[in-house]
Amino acid sequence: MTSLHGINIAAELAQVQTYWTPRVVGRVNDQYVKVAKLLGELVWHAHDAEDEMFLVVSGRLRIQLPDDQEVVLEPGQFYVVPRGVQHNPIADEVVEIVLIETVTTAHTGDVIVDGTVPVDEQLGSFR
């Protein structure tokens, strides 16, 4: 008999060792559920074909948007960045998040930087 269990988000986040490196912990249809720890600034980028959801577990996340707009998220809050919208996540302190992204979503869209993590590396042991 297969053992059924829930996913413990805190335990999954405890396994994340590198900032800005999402880790896939689940899949719902064509969406990955990912956890990540953030500190500092990522890069301005967009996902032309996919929306991206940021849910803050701990810390405070700022998401810069075009025209000097900014979304500020506290623990328990989420925001969906619509497809095609340039954005730049910033964590002035350590932030733990859950991301929900289509399985085809590239980490930093069409912008490649040293910290870009390909989806196959985000999968880790989740296959």
N, C-alpha and C. Protein backbone atom coordinates (compact mmCIF):
# COMPACT_ATOMS: atom_id res chain seq x y z
N MET A 1 0.84 -1.19 0.00
CA MET A 1 0.00 0.00 0.00
C MET A 1 0.88 1.25 0.00
N THR A 2 0.53 2.22 -0.82
CA THR A 2 1.28 3.46 -0.92
C THR A 2 0.95 4.36 0.27
N SER A 3 1.99 4.95 0.84
CA SER A 3 1.79 5.88 1.94
C SER A 3 1.42 7.25 1.40
N LEU A 4 0.35 7.82 1.92
CA LEU A 4 -0.07 9.15 1.51
C LEU A 4 0.38 10.15 2.56
N HIS A 5 0.84 11.30 2.11
CA HIS A 5 1.28 12.33 3.04
C HIS A 5 1.15 13.70 2.40
N GLY A 6 1.04 14.68 3.24
CA GLY A 6 1.01 16.06 2.76
C GLY A 6 2.42 16.59 2.60
N ILE A 7 2.55 17.68 1.89
CA ILE A 7 3.84 18.33 1.70
C ILE A 7 3.98 19.41 2.77
N ASN A 8 5.06 19.36 3.51
CA ASN A 8 5.33 20.33 4.56
C ASN A 8 6.17 21.46 3.95
N ILE A 9 5.55 22.60 3.72
CA ILE A 9 6.23 23.72 3.07
C ILE A 9 7.45 24.17 3.88
N ALA A 10 7.32 24.26 5.20
CA ALA A 10 8.45 24.70 6.03
C ALA A 10 9.62 23.73 5.89
N ALA A 11 9.35 22.44 5.89
CA ALA A 11 10.42 21.44 5.73
C ALA A 11 11.06 21.55 4.35
N GLU A 12 10.25 21.79 3.33
CA GLU A 12 10.79 21.93 1.98
C GLU A 12 11.66 23.19 1.88
N LEU A 13 11.20 24.28 2.48
CA LEU A 13 11.99 25.51 2.47
C LEU A 13 13.30 25.34 3.24
N ALA A 14 13.29 24.53 4.29
CA ALA A 14 14.51 24.29 5.08
C ALA A 14 15.59 23.61 4.24
N GLN A 15 15.19 22.91 3.19
CA GLN A 15 16.15 22.24 2.32
C GLN A 15 16.76 23.15 1.26
N VAL A 16 16.19 24.33 1.07
CA VAL A 16 16.71 25.27 0.08
C VAL A 16 17.97 25.91 0.64
N GLN A 17 19.07 25.76 -0.09
CA GLN A 17 20.36 26.26 0.38
C GLN A 17 20.84 27.52 -0.34
N THR A 18 20.31 27.78 -1.54
CA THR A 18 20.81 28.87 -2.36
C THR A 18 19.67 29.84 -2.69
N TYR A 19 19.91 31.13 -2.48
CA TYR A 19 18.90 32.13 -2.79
C TYR A 19 18.62 32.16 -4.29
N TRP A 20 17.37 32.47 -4.63
CA TRP A 20 16.92 32.62 -6.01
C TRP A 20 17.01 31.31 -6.80
N THR A 21 16.95 30.18 -6.11
CA THR A 21 17.01 28.88 -6.78
C THR A 21 15.73 28.11 -6.46
N PRO A 22 14.69 28.28 -7.26
CA PRO A 22 13.43 27.60 -6.99
C PRO A 22 13.60 26.08 -6.98
N ARG A 23 12.80 25.44 -6.15
CA ARG A 23 12.83 23.98 -6.01
C ARG A 23 11.41 23.46 -6.17
N VAL A 24 11.19 22.59 -7.15
CA VAL A 24 9.87 22.03 -7.40
C VAL A 24 9.52 21.05 -6.28
N VAL A 25 8.32 21.25 -5.68
CA VAL A 25 7.87 20.36 -4.60
C VAL A 25 6.53 19.71 -4.92
N GLY A 26 5.93 20.09 -6.04
CA GLY A 26 4.65 19.50 -6.42
C GLY A 26 4.25 19.91 -7.82
N ARG A 27 3.23 19.24 -8.30
CA ARG A 27 2.70 19.56 -9.63
C ARG A 27 1.18 19.44 -9.58
N VAL A 28 0.51 20.43 -10.14
CA VAL A 28 -0.95 20.43 -10.28
C VAL A 28 -1.22 20.65 -11.76
N ASN A 29 -1.68 19.61 -12.44
CA ASN A 29 -1.90 19.68 -13.88
C ASN A 29 -0.63 20.17 -14.56
N ASP A 30 -0.68 21.29 -15.26
CA ASP A 30 0.49 21.81 -15.96
C ASP A 30 1.18 22.94 -15.18
N GLN A 31 1.02 22.92 -13.86
CA GLN A 31 1.64 23.93 -13.01
C GLN A 31 2.59 23.26 -12.03
N TYR A 32 3.77 23.84 -11.85
CA TYR A 32 4.66 23.40 -10.79
C TYR A 32 4.42 24.25 -9.55
N VAL A 33 4.49 23.63 -8.39
CA VAL A 33 4.51 24.32 -7.11
C VAL A 33 5.97 24.31 -6.68
N LYS A 34 6.53 25.50 -6.45
CA LYS A 34 7.95 25.62 -6.12
C LYS A 34 8.12 26.39 -4.82
N VAL A 35 9.23 26.13 -4.13
CA VAL A 35 9.61 26.93 -2.98
C VAL A 35 10.95 27.58 -3.29
N ALA A 36 11.19 28.72 -2.67
CA ALA A 36 12.47 29.42 -2.88
C ALA A 36 12.72 30.35 -1.71
N LYS A 37 14.00 30.64 -1.51
CA LYS A 37 14.42 31.67 -0.58
C LYS A 37 15.05 32.78 -1.40
N LEU A 38 14.73 34.02 -1.04
CA LEU A 38 15.21 35.16 -1.80
C LEU A 38 15.96 36.12 -0.89
N LEU A 39 16.97 36.75 -1.44
CA LEU A 39 17.68 37.83 -0.75
C LEU A 39 18.35 38.68 -1.81
N GLY A 40 18.11 39.98 -1.76
CA GLY A 40 18.66 40.87 -2.76
C GLY A 40 17.70 41.03 -3.92
N GLU A 41 18.28 41.22 -5.09
CA GLU A 41 17.50 41.53 -6.28
C GLU A 41 17.77 40.48 -7.35
N LEU A 42 16.75 40.07 -8.10
CA LEU A 42 16.95 39.11 -9.18
C LEU A 42 17.33 39.86 -10.44
N VAL A 43 16.41 40.10 -11.34
CA VAL A 43 16.66 40.83 -12.58
C VAL A 43 15.31 41.19 -13.20
N TRP A 44 15.26 42.31 -13.89
CA TRP A 44 14.04 42.66 -14.62
C TRP A 44 13.84 41.62 -15.71
N HIS A 45 12.64 41.05 -15.78
CA HIS A 45 12.34 40.04 -16.80
C HIS A 45 10.83 39.91 -16.93
N ALA A 46 10.42 39.17 -17.95
CA ALA A 46 9.00 38.88 -18.16
C ALA A 46 8.87 37.45 -18.65
N HIS A 47 7.68 36.91 -18.49
CA HIS A 47 7.33 35.59 -19.02
C HIS A 47 6.24 35.84 -20.06
N ASP A 48 6.63 35.77 -21.31
CA ASP A 48 5.72 36.18 -22.39
C ASP A 48 4.45 35.36 -22.48
N ALA A 49 4.51 34.07 -22.10
CA ALA A 49 3.35 33.20 -22.31
C ALA A 49 2.72 32.69 -21.01
N GLU A 50 3.28 33.07 -19.87
CA GLU A 50 2.79 32.50 -18.61
C GLU A 50 2.63 33.56 -17.52
N ASP A 51 1.60 33.39 -16.70
CA ASP A 51 1.46 34.17 -15.47
C ASP A 51 2.38 33.52 -14.43
N GLU A 52 2.70 34.29 -13.37
CA GLU A 52 3.55 33.76 -12.29
C GLU A 52 2.99 34.23 -10.96
N MET A 53 2.79 33.27 -10.03
CA MET A 53 2.23 33.61 -8.73
C MET A 53 3.30 33.54 -7.64
N PHE A 54 3.43 34.60 -6.86
CA PHE A 54 4.32 34.68 -5.72
C PHE A 54 3.48 34.67 -4.45
N LEU A 55 3.69 33.72 -3.55
CA LEU A 55 3.03 33.66 -2.25
C LEU A 55 4.12 33.75 -1.18
N VAL A 56 4.06 34.76 -0.34
CA VAL A 56 5.08 34.96 0.68
C VAL A 56 4.73 34.13 1.92
N VAL A 57 5.71 33.31 2.34
CA VAL A 57 5.58 32.50 3.55
C VAL A 57 6.18 33.27 4.73
N SER A 58 7.36 33.85 4.54
CA SER A 58 7.98 34.66 5.58
C SER A 58 8.80 35.77 4.93
N GLY A 59 8.95 36.87 5.66
CA GLY A 59 9.68 38.01 5.13
C GLY A 59 8.74 38.97 4.40
N ARG A 60 9.35 39.87 3.66
CA ARG A 60 8.60 40.92 2.94
C ARG A 60 9.20 41.05 1.54
N LEU A 61 8.38 40.83 0.53
CA LEU A 61 8.83 40.85 -0.85
C LEU A 61 8.29 42.07 -1.58
N ARG A 62 9.18 42.73 -2.29
CA ARG A 62 8.76 43.83 -3.17
C ARG A 62 8.89 43.34 -4.60
N ILE A 63 7.90 43.62 -5.41
CA ILE A 63 7.96 43.29 -6.83
C ILE A 63 7.81 44.59 -7.60
N GLN A 64 8.91 45.01 -8.23
CA GLN A 64 8.87 46.21 -9.04
C GLN A 64 8.17 45.90 -10.36
N LEU A 65 7.36 46.85 -10.80
CA LEU A 65 6.60 46.72 -12.04
C LEU A 65 6.84 47.97 -12.89
N PRO A 66 6.44 47.94 -14.16
CA PRO A 66 6.64 49.11 -15.02
C PRO A 66 5.98 50.38 -14.44
N ASP A 67 6.43 51.51 -14.95
CA ASP A 67 5.89 52.83 -14.57
C ASP A 67 6.05 53.12 -13.09
N ASP A 68 7.15 52.65 -12.50
CA ASP A 68 7.47 52.90 -11.09
C ASP A 68 6.43 52.35 -10.12
N GLN A 69 5.67 51.36 -10.56
CA GLN A 69 4.72 50.72 -9.65
C GLN A 69 5.45 49.62 -8.87
N GLU A 70 4.91 49.29 -7.71
CA GLU A 70 5.52 48.26 -6.88
C GLU A 70 4.44 47.57 -6.05
N VAL A 71 4.54 46.26 -5.95
CA VAL A 71 3.66 45.48 -5.09
C VAL A 71 4.50 45.05 -3.89
N VAL A 72 3.97 45.22 -2.69
CA VAL A 72 4.67 44.79 -1.49
C VAL A 72 3.84 43.68 -0.86
N LEU A 73 4.49 42.53 -0.64
CA LEU A 73 3.80 41.36 -0.09
C LEU A 73 4.35 41.00 1.28
N GLU A 74 3.46 40.78 2.22
CA GLU A 74 3.78 40.33 3.57
C GLU A 74 3.42 38.84 3.67
N PRO A 75 3.83 38.16 4.73
CA PRO A 75 3.49 36.75 4.88
C PRO A 75 1.98 36.49 4.74
N GLY A 76 1.66 35.47 3.96
CA GLY A 76 0.27 35.11 3.73
C GLY A 76 -0.34 35.80 2.52
N GLN A 77 0.36 36.74 1.92
CA GLN A 77 -0.16 37.45 0.76
C GLN A 77 0.46 36.90 -0.52
N PHE A 78 -0.34 36.98 -1.61
CA PHE A 78 0.21 36.58 -2.91
C PHE A 78 -0.15 37.59 -3.97
N TYR A 79 0.60 37.51 -5.07
CA TYR A 79 0.36 38.38 -6.21
C TYR A 79 0.65 37.58 -7.47
N VAL A 80 -0.18 37.78 -8.48
CA VAL A 80 0.03 37.13 -9.77
C VAL A 80 0.54 38.18 -10.75
N VAL A 81 1.75 37.95 -11.26
CA VAL A 81 2.31 38.81 -12.29
C VAL A 81 1.74 38.30 -13.61
N PRO A 82 0.98 39.13 -14.32
CA PRO A 82 0.39 38.68 -15.59
C PRO A 82 1.46 38.42 -16.65
N ARG A 83 1.16 37.49 -17.52
CA ARG A 83 2.09 37.17 -18.61
C ARG A 83 2.47 38.43 -19.37
N GLY A 84 3.72 38.48 -19.75
CA GLY A 84 4.22 39.59 -20.54
C GLY A 84 4.59 40.84 -19.77
N VAL A 85 4.33 40.88 -18.46
CA VAL A 85 4.61 42.07 -17.67
C VAL A 85 6.04 41.98 -17.10
N GLN A 86 6.84 42.99 -17.41
CA GLN A 86 8.18 43.08 -16.84
C GLN A 86 8.05 43.22 -15.33
N HIS A 87 8.91 42.51 -14.59
CA HIS A 87 8.90 42.62 -13.14
C HIS A 87 10.29 42.32 -12.59
N ASN A 88 10.53 42.77 -11.39
CA ASN A 88 11.81 42.57 -10.73
C ASN A 88 11.56 42.34 -9.24
N PRO A 89 11.66 41.08 -8.78
CA PRO A 89 11.47 40.81 -7.35
C PRO A 89 12.69 41.28 -6.54
N ILE A 90 12.41 41.87 -5.38
CA ILE A 90 13.47 42.36 -4.50
C ILE A 90 13.15 41.93 -3.07
N ALA A 91 14.15 41.34 -2.42
CA ALA A 91 14.03 40.93 -1.02
C ALA A 91 15.09 41.67 -0.21
N ASP A 92 14.67 42.67 0.54
CA ASP A 92 15.61 43.44 1.36
C ASP A 92 16.06 42.65 2.59
N GLU A 93 15.34 41.59 2.89
CA GLU A 93 15.65 40.65 3.97
C GLU A 93 15.37 39.26 3.40
N VAL A 94 15.74 38.21 4.10
CA VAL A 94 15.45 36.87 3.60
C VAL A 94 13.94 36.68 3.51
N VAL A 95 13.49 36.22 2.36
CA VAL A 95 12.08 35.98 2.11
C VAL A 95 11.92 34.52 1.67
N GLU A 96 10.92 33.86 2.22
CA GLU A 96 10.58 32.50 1.79
C GLU A 96 9.27 32.57 1.03
N ILE A 97 9.25 31.94 -0.15
CA ILE A 97 8.06 32.03 -0.99
C ILE A 97 7.66 30.67 -1.54
N VAL A 98 6.42 30.63 -1.98
CA VAL A 98 5.90 29.55 -2.81
C VAL A 98 5.58 30.20 -4.16
N LEU A 99 6.03 29.56 -5.23
CA LEU A 99 5.74 30.02 -6.58
C LEU A 99 4.82 29.00 -7.23
N ILE A 100 3.89 29.48 -8.02
CA ILE A 100 3.11 28.59 -8.87
C ILE A 100 3.31 29.09 -10.29
N GLU A 101 3.88 28.20 -11.11
CA GLU A 101 4.25 28.55 -12.47
C GLU A 101 3.95 27.39 -13.40
N THR A 102 3.59 27.73 -14.63
CA THR A 102 3.41 26.71 -15.66
C THR A 102 4.72 25.94 -15.82
N VAL A 103 4.62 24.66 -16.15
CA VAL A 103 5.83 23.82 -16.26
C VAL A 103 6.81 24.34 -17.31
N THR A 104 6.35 25.19 -18.20
CA THR A 104 7.22 25.73 -19.26
C THR A 104 7.87 27.06 -18.88
N THR A 105 7.58 27.59 -17.70
CA THR A 105 8.08 28.91 -17.33
C THR A 105 9.58 28.89 -17.10
N ALA A 106 10.29 29.70 -17.87
CA ALA A 106 11.74 29.86 -17.68
C ALA A 106 11.98 30.79 -16.49
N HIS A 107 12.95 30.45 -15.68
CA HIS A 107 13.23 31.15 -14.42
C HIS A 107 13.27 32.66 -14.58
N THR A 108 14.05 33.16 -15.52
CA THR A 108 14.18 34.60 -15.72
C THR A 108 13.71 35.00 -17.13
N GLY A 109 12.69 34.31 -17.61
CA GLY A 109 12.14 34.62 -18.93
C GLY A 109 13.19 34.48 -20.00
N ASP A 110 13.26 35.48 -20.89
CA ASP A 110 14.27 35.41 -21.95
C ASP A 110 15.55 36.13 -21.57
N VAL A 111 15.68 36.54 -20.30
CA VAL A 111 16.89 37.16 -19.79
C VAL A 111 17.72 36.07 -19.11
N ILE A 112 18.96 35.92 -19.54
CA ILE A 112 19.84 34.92 -18.94
C ILE A 112 20.93 35.65 -18.16
N VAL A 113 21.01 35.33 -16.85
CA VAL A 113 22.04 35.90 -15.98
C VAL A 113 22.73 34.76 -15.25
N ASP A 114 23.79 35.08 -14.51
CA ASP A 114 24.52 34.04 -13.78
C ASP A 114 23.62 33.22 -12.88
N GLY A 115 22.60 33.82 -12.31
CA GLY A 115 21.72 33.12 -11.38
C GLY A 115 20.54 32.40 -12.01
N THR A 116 20.43 32.40 -13.34
CA THR A 116 19.32 31.72 -14.00
C THR A 116 19.42 30.22 -13.76
N VAL A 117 18.31 29.61 -13.32
CA VAL A 117 18.28 28.18 -13.01
C VAL A 117 17.32 27.49 -13.98
N PRO A 118 17.83 26.61 -14.86
CA PRO A 118 16.95 25.89 -15.78
C PRO A 118 15.92 25.03 -15.04
N VAL A 119 14.76 24.83 -15.63
CA VAL A 119 13.68 24.07 -15.00
C VAL A 119 14.15 22.67 -14.61
N ASP A 120 14.94 22.00 -15.44
CA ASP A 120 15.37 20.65 -15.11
C ASP A 120 16.20 20.62 -13.82
N GLU A 121 16.93 21.69 -13.52
CA GLU A 121 17.68 21.77 -12.26
C GLU A 121 16.75 22.08 -11.09
N GLN A 122 15.65 22.77 -11.34
CA GLN A 122 14.69 23.07 -10.28
C GLN A 122 13.94 21.83 -9.83
N LEU A 123 13.87 20.84 -10.71
CA LEU A 123 13.15 19.60 -10.40
C LEU A 123 13.85 18.79 -9.31
N GLY A 124 15.17 18.83 -9.25
CA GLY A 124 15.91 18.07 -8.25
C GLY A 124 15.44 16.64 -8.20
N SER A 125 15.03 16.17 -7.03
CA SER A 125 14.56 14.79 -6.87
C SER A 125 13.09 14.62 -7.24
N PHE A 126 12.40 15.72 -7.54
CA PHE A 126 10.98 15.66 -7.91
C PHE A 126 10.90 15.32 -9.40
N ARG A 127 10.57 14.10 -9.70
CA ARG A 127 10.44 13.67 -11.12
C ARG A 127 9.35 12.68 -11.23
